N, C-alpha and C. Protein backbone atom coordinates (compact mmCIF):
# COMPACT_ATOMS: atom_id res chain seq x y z
N MET A 1 0.81 -1.19 0.00
CA MET A 1 0.00 0.00 0.00
C MET A 1 0.87 1.27 0.00
N LEU A 2 1.94 1.24 0.81
CA LEU A 2 2.83 2.39 0.87
C LEU A 2 3.49 2.65 -0.48
N THR A 3 3.83 1.59 -1.19
CA THR A 3 4.45 1.73 -2.51
C THR A 3 3.50 2.41 -3.48
N ILE A 4 2.23 2.05 -3.44
CA ILE A 4 1.23 2.66 -4.32
C ILE A 4 1.08 4.14 -4.00
N LEU A 5 1.04 4.49 -2.72
CA LEU A 5 0.94 5.90 -2.32
C LEU A 5 2.17 6.68 -2.76
N ALA A 6 3.35 6.11 -2.57
CA ALA A 6 4.59 6.78 -2.97
C ALA A 6 4.61 7.00 -4.48
N LEU A 7 4.18 6.00 -5.23
CA LEU A 7 4.12 6.13 -6.69
C LEU A 7 3.12 7.21 -7.08
N GLY A 8 1.98 7.24 -6.42
CA GLY A 8 0.97 8.26 -6.69
C GLY A 8 1.49 9.66 -6.45
N PHE A 9 2.20 9.87 -5.34
CA PHE A 9 2.78 11.18 -5.04
C PHE A 9 3.84 11.56 -6.06
N ALA A 10 4.66 10.61 -6.46
CA ALA A 10 5.71 10.88 -7.46
C ALA A 10 5.09 11.28 -8.79
N LEU A 11 4.04 10.59 -9.20
CA LEU A 11 3.37 10.92 -10.47
C LEU A 11 2.70 12.28 -10.38
N ALA A 12 2.06 12.58 -9.26
CA ALA A 12 1.41 13.88 -9.10
C ALA A 12 2.44 15.00 -9.14
N LYS A 13 3.58 14.79 -8.48
CA LYS A 13 4.63 15.80 -8.49
C LYS A 13 5.16 16.02 -9.90
N ALA A 14 5.36 14.94 -10.65
CA ALA A 14 5.84 15.05 -12.03
C ALA A 14 4.83 15.79 -12.90
N ALA A 15 3.54 15.54 -12.69
CA ALA A 15 2.51 16.19 -13.49
C ALA A 15 2.45 17.68 -13.19
N LEU A 16 2.81 18.08 -11.98
CA LEU A 16 2.76 19.48 -11.59
C LEU A 16 4.06 20.22 -11.87
N ALA A 17 5.13 19.50 -12.17
CA ALA A 17 6.42 20.14 -12.40
C ALA A 17 6.34 21.04 -13.62
N ILE A 18 6.74 22.25 -13.43
CA ILE A 18 6.69 23.23 -14.51
C ILE A 18 7.77 24.26 -14.26
N GLY A 19 8.31 24.80 -15.34
CA GLY A 19 9.36 25.80 -15.20
C GLY A 19 8.81 27.19 -14.98
N ASN A 20 9.72 28.14 -14.96
CA ASN A 20 9.38 29.54 -14.71
C ASN A 20 9.92 30.44 -15.81
N ALA A 21 9.19 31.51 -16.08
CA ALA A 21 9.67 32.59 -16.93
C ALA A 21 10.31 33.60 -15.98
N VAL A 22 11.57 33.92 -16.22
CA VAL A 22 12.34 34.76 -15.30
C VAL A 22 12.95 35.93 -16.05
N VAL A 23 12.94 37.10 -15.43
CA VAL A 23 13.64 38.28 -15.97
C VAL A 23 14.55 38.81 -14.87
N GLU A 24 15.82 39.01 -15.21
CA GLU A 24 16.81 39.56 -14.28
C GLU A 24 17.31 40.89 -14.85
N ASN A 25 17.29 41.93 -14.02
CA ASN A 25 17.75 43.24 -14.46
C ASN A 25 19.15 43.53 -13.92
N ASN A 26 20.14 43.47 -14.82
CA ASN A 26 21.51 43.81 -14.46
C ASN A 26 21.89 45.21 -14.95
N CYS A 27 20.91 45.94 -15.47
CA CYS A 27 21.17 47.27 -16.01
C CYS A 27 21.41 48.28 -14.89
N GLU A 28 21.95 49.43 -15.26
CA GLU A 28 22.21 50.53 -14.33
C GLU A 28 20.95 51.35 -14.08
N PHE A 29 19.85 50.97 -14.68
CA PHE A 29 18.59 51.72 -14.55
C PHE A 29 17.45 50.74 -14.24
N PRO A 30 16.40 51.22 -13.59
CA PRO A 30 15.26 50.34 -13.29
C PRO A 30 14.41 50.12 -14.53
N VAL A 31 13.67 49.02 -14.53
CA VAL A 31 12.68 48.76 -15.57
C VAL A 31 11.40 48.30 -14.89
N TYR A 32 10.32 48.30 -15.67
CA TYR A 32 9.02 47.83 -15.20
C TYR A 32 8.60 46.66 -16.06
N LEU A 33 7.84 45.77 -15.49
CA LEU A 33 7.39 44.58 -16.20
C LEU A 33 5.92 44.34 -15.90
N ARG A 34 5.17 44.01 -16.94
CA ARG A 34 3.78 43.57 -16.78
C ARG A 34 3.65 42.23 -17.48
N SER A 35 3.00 41.29 -16.82
CA SER A 35 2.71 39.99 -17.41
C SER A 35 1.34 40.10 -18.07
N VAL A 36 1.32 39.84 -19.39
CA VAL A 36 0.10 40.05 -20.16
C VAL A 36 -0.31 38.75 -20.83
N GLY A 37 -1.53 38.32 -20.56
CA GLY A 37 -2.13 37.15 -21.18
C GLY A 37 -3.61 37.44 -21.30
N ARG A 38 -4.44 36.63 -20.69
CA ARG A 38 -5.87 36.94 -20.64
C ARG A 38 -6.11 38.22 -19.84
N GLU A 39 -5.22 38.48 -18.88
CA GLU A 39 -5.30 39.67 -18.05
C GLU A 39 -3.95 40.37 -18.05
N VAL A 40 -3.95 41.62 -17.59
CA VAL A 40 -2.72 42.39 -17.48
C VAL A 40 -2.40 42.54 -15.99
N SER A 41 -1.20 42.14 -15.61
CA SER A 41 -0.80 42.24 -14.20
C SER A 41 -0.51 43.69 -13.82
N PRO A 42 -0.43 43.96 -12.53
CA PRO A 42 0.10 45.26 -12.11
C PRO A 42 1.56 45.38 -12.58
N ALA A 43 2.08 46.59 -12.58
CA ALA A 43 3.48 46.80 -12.97
C ALA A 43 4.40 46.35 -11.84
N TYR A 44 5.40 45.56 -12.20
CA TYR A 44 6.43 45.13 -11.25
C TYR A 44 7.66 46.00 -11.49
N TYR A 45 8.25 46.49 -10.43
CA TYR A 45 9.46 47.31 -10.48
C TYR A 45 10.66 46.39 -10.34
N LEU A 46 11.58 46.43 -11.30
CA LEU A 46 12.82 45.66 -11.22
C LEU A 46 13.96 46.64 -11.02
N ARG A 47 14.48 46.65 -9.82
CA ARG A 47 15.52 47.62 -9.45
C ARG A 47 16.78 47.40 -10.30
N PRO A 48 17.61 48.44 -10.41
CA PRO A 48 18.87 48.30 -11.14
C PRO A 48 19.79 47.28 -10.47
N ARG A 49 20.61 46.60 -11.28
CA ARG A 49 21.65 45.69 -10.79
C ARG A 49 21.13 44.67 -9.78
N GLY A 50 20.12 43.92 -10.16
CA GLY A 50 19.67 42.84 -9.27
C GLY A 50 18.18 42.63 -9.17
N GLY A 51 17.37 43.47 -9.79
CA GLY A 51 15.93 43.26 -9.76
C GLY A 51 15.58 41.97 -10.48
N ARG A 52 14.57 41.26 -9.98
CA ARG A 52 14.23 39.95 -10.55
C ARG A 52 12.73 39.72 -10.52
N PHE A 53 12.20 39.12 -11.57
CA PHE A 53 10.80 38.72 -11.66
C PHE A 53 10.76 37.26 -12.07
N SER A 54 9.82 36.51 -11.51
CA SER A 54 9.67 35.10 -11.88
C SER A 54 8.20 34.73 -11.76
N GLU A 55 7.70 33.97 -12.75
CA GLU A 55 6.36 33.42 -12.67
C GLU A 55 6.37 32.02 -13.28
N PRO A 56 5.59 31.09 -12.69
CA PRO A 56 5.45 29.77 -13.31
C PRO A 56 4.80 29.95 -14.69
N TYR A 57 5.19 29.11 -15.63
CA TYR A 57 4.59 29.20 -16.96
C TYR A 57 3.07 29.11 -16.85
N SER A 58 2.40 29.95 -17.59
CA SER A 58 0.94 29.94 -17.65
C SER A 58 0.49 28.69 -18.39
N ARG A 59 -0.52 28.01 -17.86
CA ARG A 59 -1.03 26.79 -18.50
C ARG A 59 -2.23 27.06 -19.40
N ASP A 60 -2.52 28.31 -19.68
CA ASP A 60 -3.66 28.66 -20.52
C ASP A 60 -3.45 28.11 -21.93
N PRO A 61 -4.29 27.17 -22.37
CA PRO A 61 -4.07 26.52 -23.67
C PRO A 61 -4.43 27.40 -24.87
N THR A 62 -5.12 28.51 -24.65
CA THR A 62 -5.56 29.32 -25.79
C THR A 62 -4.72 30.57 -26.00
N PHE A 63 -3.94 30.96 -25.00
CA PHE A 63 -3.16 32.18 -25.11
C PHE A 63 -1.72 31.92 -24.71
N GLY A 64 -0.82 32.63 -25.34
CA GLY A 64 0.54 32.68 -24.85
C GLY A 64 0.61 33.78 -23.79
N GLN A 65 1.77 33.97 -23.25
CA GLN A 65 1.97 34.99 -22.23
C GLN A 65 3.06 35.92 -22.71
N ALA A 66 2.95 37.20 -22.40
CA ALA A 66 3.97 38.18 -22.77
C ALA A 66 4.42 38.92 -21.53
N LEU A 67 5.71 38.93 -21.29
CA LEU A 67 6.29 39.74 -20.23
C LEU A 67 6.79 41.00 -20.92
N LYS A 68 6.07 42.10 -20.71
CA LYS A 68 6.37 43.35 -21.40
C LYS A 68 7.23 44.23 -20.49
N ILE A 69 8.41 44.55 -20.98
CA ILE A 69 9.40 45.29 -20.21
C ILE A 69 9.47 46.71 -20.76
N THR A 70 9.33 47.69 -19.86
CA THR A 70 9.29 49.09 -20.26
C THR A 70 10.11 49.94 -19.28
N LEU A 71 10.28 51.20 -19.62
CA LEU A 71 11.00 52.12 -18.74
C LEU A 71 10.08 52.84 -17.76
N GLY A 72 8.79 52.86 -18.03
CA GLY A 72 7.82 53.50 -17.14
C GLY A 72 6.74 52.52 -16.74
N PRO A 73 6.10 52.72 -15.58
CA PRO A 73 5.14 51.75 -15.07
C PRO A 73 3.90 51.58 -15.94
N ASP A 74 3.53 52.61 -16.71
CA ASP A 74 2.33 52.53 -17.53
C ASP A 74 2.62 52.57 -19.03
N ASP A 75 3.88 52.40 -19.41
CA ASP A 75 4.26 52.48 -20.82
C ASP A 75 3.58 51.42 -21.68
N VAL A 76 3.15 50.32 -21.09
CA VAL A 76 2.45 49.27 -21.85
C VAL A 76 1.19 49.83 -22.51
N PHE A 77 0.58 50.82 -21.87
CA PHE A 77 -0.68 51.38 -22.37
C PHE A 77 -0.48 52.58 -23.28
N ASP A 78 0.76 53.01 -23.48
CA ASP A 78 1.06 54.18 -24.30
C ASP A 78 1.57 53.70 -25.66
N PRO A 79 0.81 53.94 -26.74
CA PRO A 79 1.20 53.42 -28.06
C PRO A 79 2.44 54.07 -28.66
N THR A 80 3.03 55.03 -27.96
CA THR A 80 4.25 55.66 -28.48
C THR A 80 5.51 55.20 -27.75
N ARG A 81 5.35 54.42 -26.68
CA ARG A 81 6.48 54.03 -25.85
C ARG A 81 7.03 52.66 -26.25
N PRO A 82 8.36 52.52 -26.27
CA PRO A 82 8.96 51.23 -26.65
C PRO A 82 8.79 50.16 -25.57
N GLN A 83 8.79 48.91 -26.04
CA GLN A 83 8.69 47.75 -25.15
C GLN A 83 9.62 46.66 -25.66
N THR A 84 10.20 45.92 -24.74
CA THR A 84 10.87 44.67 -25.08
C THR A 84 9.96 43.57 -24.56
N VAL A 85 9.64 42.61 -25.42
CA VAL A 85 8.64 41.60 -25.09
C VAL A 85 9.26 40.21 -25.07
N TYR A 86 9.15 39.56 -23.93
CA TYR A 86 9.56 38.16 -23.72
C TYR A 86 8.26 37.38 -23.78
N GLY A 87 8.06 36.67 -24.88
CA GLY A 87 6.84 35.89 -25.04
C GLY A 87 7.11 34.41 -24.82
N TYR A 88 6.10 33.71 -24.30
CA TYR A 88 6.23 32.26 -24.16
C TYR A 88 4.87 31.61 -24.26
N THR A 89 4.89 30.36 -24.72
CA THR A 89 3.68 29.54 -24.80
C THR A 89 4.05 28.14 -24.33
N LEU A 90 3.29 27.65 -23.38
CA LEU A 90 3.49 26.30 -22.86
C LEU A 90 2.62 25.33 -23.62
N SER A 91 3.23 24.32 -24.20
CA SER A 91 2.52 23.22 -24.87
C SER A 91 3.31 21.97 -24.51
N GLU A 92 3.04 21.46 -23.30
CA GLU A 92 3.85 20.38 -22.73
C GLU A 92 3.98 19.20 -23.68
N PRO A 93 5.20 18.69 -23.80
CA PRO A 93 6.38 18.95 -22.99
C PRO A 93 7.22 20.13 -23.48
N PHE A 94 6.72 20.89 -24.44
CA PHE A 94 7.50 22.00 -25.01
C PHE A 94 7.18 23.32 -24.34
N ILE A 95 8.18 24.18 -24.31
CA ILE A 95 7.99 25.59 -23.99
C ILE A 95 8.55 26.36 -25.18
N TYR A 96 7.71 27.20 -25.78
CA TYR A 96 8.12 28.05 -26.91
C TYR A 96 8.40 29.43 -26.34
N TYR A 97 9.49 30.07 -26.77
CA TYR A 97 9.83 31.38 -26.22
C TYR A 97 10.47 32.24 -27.29
N ASP A 98 10.27 33.54 -27.14
CA ASP A 98 10.85 34.48 -28.09
C ASP A 98 11.13 35.80 -27.39
N LEU A 99 11.79 36.65 -28.13
CA LEU A 99 12.18 37.96 -27.64
C LEU A 99 12.00 38.92 -28.80
N ASP A 100 11.38 40.06 -28.54
CA ASP A 100 11.14 41.01 -29.62
C ASP A 100 11.06 42.42 -29.05
N ASP A 101 11.22 43.40 -29.91
CA ASP A 101 11.05 44.80 -29.55
C ASP A 101 9.85 45.36 -30.28
N VAL A 102 9.16 46.28 -29.62
CA VAL A 102 8.01 46.97 -30.21
C VAL A 102 8.24 48.47 -30.06
N ARG A 103 8.14 49.20 -31.14
CA ARG A 103 8.24 50.66 -31.15
C ARG A 103 9.58 51.21 -30.64
N GLY A 104 10.65 50.49 -30.88
CA GLY A 104 11.96 51.00 -30.48
C GLY A 104 12.77 49.97 -29.72
N ASN A 105 13.98 50.35 -29.39
CA ASN A 105 14.93 49.45 -28.74
C ASN A 105 15.40 50.04 -27.42
N ILE A 106 14.74 49.66 -26.34
CA ILE A 106 15.07 50.17 -25.00
C ILE A 106 16.52 49.87 -24.64
N PHE A 107 16.99 48.70 -25.05
CA PHE A 107 18.29 48.22 -24.59
C PHE A 107 19.38 48.32 -25.66
N ALA A 108 19.23 49.23 -26.62
CA ALA A 108 20.25 49.40 -27.66
C ALA A 108 21.60 49.65 -27.00
N GLY A 109 22.61 48.88 -27.43
CA GLY A 109 23.95 48.98 -26.87
C GLY A 109 24.18 48.13 -25.63
N LYS A 110 23.14 47.43 -25.16
CA LYS A 110 23.24 46.56 -23.98
C LYS A 110 22.97 45.12 -24.40
N ARG A 111 23.73 44.19 -23.89
CA ARG A 111 23.56 42.77 -24.24
C ARG A 111 22.34 42.18 -23.53
N LEU A 112 21.49 41.47 -24.29
CA LEU A 112 20.37 40.72 -23.73
C LEU A 112 20.60 39.24 -24.01
N VAL A 113 20.36 38.40 -23.01
CA VAL A 113 20.50 36.95 -23.17
C VAL A 113 19.26 36.28 -22.62
N GLN A 114 18.58 35.51 -23.47
CA GLN A 114 17.43 34.70 -23.06
C GLN A 114 17.86 33.25 -23.22
N ARG A 115 17.95 32.53 -22.09
CA ARG A 115 18.48 31.17 -22.13
C ARG A 115 17.66 30.26 -21.22
N SER A 116 17.81 28.99 -21.48
CA SER A 116 17.14 27.97 -20.67
C SER A 116 18.11 27.43 -19.63
N THR A 117 17.56 26.95 -18.52
CA THR A 117 18.41 26.25 -17.55
C THR A 117 18.75 24.86 -18.05
N ASP A 118 18.12 24.42 -19.13
CA ASP A 118 18.47 23.19 -19.82
C ASP A 118 19.44 23.57 -20.94
N ASP A 119 20.70 23.23 -20.80
CA ASP A 119 21.73 23.66 -21.75
C ASP A 119 21.53 23.12 -23.16
N SER A 120 20.65 22.13 -23.34
CA SER A 120 20.41 21.60 -24.68
C SER A 120 19.45 22.48 -25.47
N CYS A 121 18.84 23.46 -24.84
CA CYS A 121 17.88 24.34 -25.51
C CYS A 121 18.58 25.59 -26.05
N PRO A 122 18.13 26.11 -27.19
CA PRO A 122 18.79 27.27 -27.80
C PRO A 122 18.56 28.56 -27.01
N SER A 123 19.45 29.50 -27.21
CA SER A 123 19.38 30.81 -26.56
C SER A 123 19.08 31.89 -27.57
N ASN A 124 18.52 32.99 -27.09
CA ASN A 124 18.45 34.23 -27.85
C ASN A 124 19.51 35.15 -27.27
N VAL A 125 20.42 35.62 -28.09
CA VAL A 125 21.44 36.56 -27.63
C VAL A 125 21.39 37.77 -28.54
N TRP A 126 21.17 38.92 -27.94
CA TRP A 126 21.19 40.19 -28.66
C TRP A 126 22.45 40.94 -28.20
N PRO A 127 23.56 40.79 -28.90
CA PRO A 127 24.82 41.40 -28.45
C PRO A 127 24.73 42.92 -28.29
N GLN A 128 23.92 43.57 -29.11
CA GLN A 128 23.80 45.03 -29.06
C GLN A 128 22.42 45.49 -28.57
N GLY A 129 21.63 44.57 -27.99
CA GLY A 129 20.34 44.94 -27.42
C GLY A 129 19.24 45.18 -28.44
N VAL A 130 19.46 44.75 -29.67
CA VAL A 130 18.45 44.88 -30.72
C VAL A 130 18.20 43.49 -31.32
N PRO A 131 17.00 43.28 -31.87
CA PRO A 131 16.64 41.95 -32.36
C PRO A 131 17.62 41.37 -33.37
N VAL A 132 17.87 40.08 -33.20
CA VAL A 132 18.70 39.29 -34.09
C VAL A 132 17.86 38.08 -34.49
N GLU A 133 17.84 37.76 -35.76
CA GLU A 133 17.06 36.59 -36.23
C GLU A 133 17.87 35.33 -36.06
N PRO A 134 17.29 34.18 -35.84
CA PRO A 134 15.89 33.99 -35.47
C PRO A 134 15.71 34.26 -33.98
N HIS A 135 14.52 34.63 -33.59
CA HIS A 135 14.32 34.94 -32.18
C HIS A 135 13.21 34.12 -31.53
N VAL A 136 12.64 33.15 -32.25
CA VAL A 136 11.64 32.25 -31.68
C VAL A 136 12.26 30.86 -31.57
N HIS A 137 12.20 30.28 -30.38
CA HIS A 137 12.79 28.97 -30.13
C HIS A 137 11.82 28.09 -29.37
N ASN A 138 12.14 26.80 -29.32
CA ASN A 138 11.37 25.91 -28.45
C ASN A 138 12.34 24.98 -27.74
N CYS A 139 11.87 24.49 -26.61
CA CYS A 139 12.66 23.60 -25.77
C CYS A 139 11.75 22.45 -25.36
N ARG A 140 12.25 21.24 -25.46
CA ARG A 140 11.45 20.08 -25.11
C ARG A 140 11.54 19.78 -23.61
N ASP A 141 11.75 20.78 -22.82
CA ASP A 141 11.86 20.62 -21.38
C ASP A 141 11.07 21.74 -20.70
N SER A 142 9.76 21.54 -20.57
CA SER A 142 8.92 22.58 -19.98
C SER A 142 9.11 22.69 -18.47
N GLU A 143 9.99 21.86 -17.90
CA GLU A 143 10.33 22.00 -16.48
C GLU A 143 11.51 22.96 -16.29
N ALA A 144 12.20 23.27 -17.38
CA ALA A 144 13.35 24.18 -17.30
C ALA A 144 12.87 25.63 -17.24
N ASP A 145 13.60 26.46 -16.53
CA ASP A 145 13.31 27.89 -16.52
C ASP A 145 13.89 28.52 -17.78
N ILE A 146 13.22 29.55 -18.29
CA ILE A 146 13.77 30.37 -19.36
C ILE A 146 14.05 31.73 -18.72
N ILE A 147 15.31 32.13 -18.74
CA ILE A 147 15.75 33.34 -18.03
C ILE A 147 16.20 34.39 -19.04
N LEU A 148 15.61 35.57 -18.95
CA LEU A 148 16.05 36.72 -19.74
C LEU A 148 16.88 37.61 -18.83
N THR A 149 18.14 37.81 -19.21
CA THR A 149 19.01 38.70 -18.44
C THR A 149 19.22 39.97 -19.24
N LEU A 150 18.81 41.09 -18.65
CA LEU A 150 18.97 42.40 -19.26
C LEU A 150 20.35 42.94 -18.89
N CYS A 151 21.05 43.53 -19.86
CA CYS A 151 22.41 44.06 -19.64
C CYS A 151 23.31 42.96 -19.11
N SER A 152 23.31 41.84 -19.81
CA SER A 152 24.04 40.65 -19.39
C SER A 152 25.53 40.78 -19.66
N ALA A 153 26.32 40.26 -18.73
CA ALA A 153 27.77 40.21 -18.93
C ALA A 153 28.16 38.91 -19.62
N GLU A 154 27.30 37.90 -19.53
CA GLU A 154 27.62 36.60 -20.12
C GLU A 154 27.39 36.61 -21.62
N GLY A 155 28.14 35.78 -22.31
CA GLY A 155 28.04 35.73 -23.76
C GLY A 155 26.87 34.93 -24.26
N GLY A 156 26.75 33.70 -23.81
CA GLY A 156 25.72 32.82 -24.35
C GLY A 156 26.11 32.39 -25.75
N LEU A 157 25.52 31.33 -26.21
CA LEU A 157 25.79 30.85 -27.56
C LEU A 157 24.85 31.54 -28.51
N TYR A 158 25.37 31.98 -29.63
CA TYR A 158 24.54 32.59 -30.64
C TYR A 158 24.84 31.92 -31.97
N TYR A 159 23.81 31.58 -32.66
CA TYR A 159 23.98 31.11 -34.02
C TYR A 159 22.76 31.53 -34.80
N ASN A 160 22.97 31.77 -36.06
CA ASN A 160 21.89 32.16 -36.95
C ASN A 160 21.64 30.97 -37.86
N ILE A 161 20.48 30.32 -37.70
CA ILE A 161 20.22 29.12 -38.50
C ILE A 161 20.14 29.44 -39.98
N TRP A 162 19.90 30.69 -40.31
CA TRP A 162 19.81 31.06 -41.73
C TRP A 162 21.19 31.05 -42.38
N GLU A 163 22.25 31.06 -41.56
CA GLU A 163 23.61 31.05 -42.10
C GLU A 163 24.22 29.66 -42.10
N LEU A 164 23.53 28.66 -41.53
CA LEU A 164 24.08 27.30 -41.45
C LEU A 164 24.03 26.61 -42.80
C-alpha cells in the first residue's frame, strides 16, 4: 500500500512540475514589467543591478503569455512608448519562447541573453540589445526555466540558422 501511495505522489509531483519565466535586471537603470495574457498584471518594479521577476509558466491553452518590459510603469498602455517583449507559450512537454522589440529598442547597446536552464535548448542573444534573427525557439523541457538577463555580462551561444 505504501508503494502505491509513494508512486501516486511521485506521479502527481511530475505532473505538476513546470518551469518559470524569469527576468533579471543587471542594467544601471530600473525597468518595469507587466505579465500580459488573458489579463494584465500590475506593474512590477525591477531595481537596477539585481531586480528579478519570476512566474510559473501559464497553463492557458488558448493564449501565450507576454512579459512586457518598459521604462515607465504605464508604458504598456502608451502606443508611443517602446517595449521589449519576452513571449512564451506552454505546450507540454514543449515551452516556446521568443524575444522582440516593439516601437523601439530600449536596450540598444546593452547585451540581452534569453536562455534555458536546460543547456540543450537554444538561446536568444542580442549582443547590441536589438533583435537578431531567429528569435523564436522551443525547448522540449517545460520544467526548465527560461531566463532573460537584461544588460548581461555573459556571452551565451549565438547562431543564426539562416547562415548554417
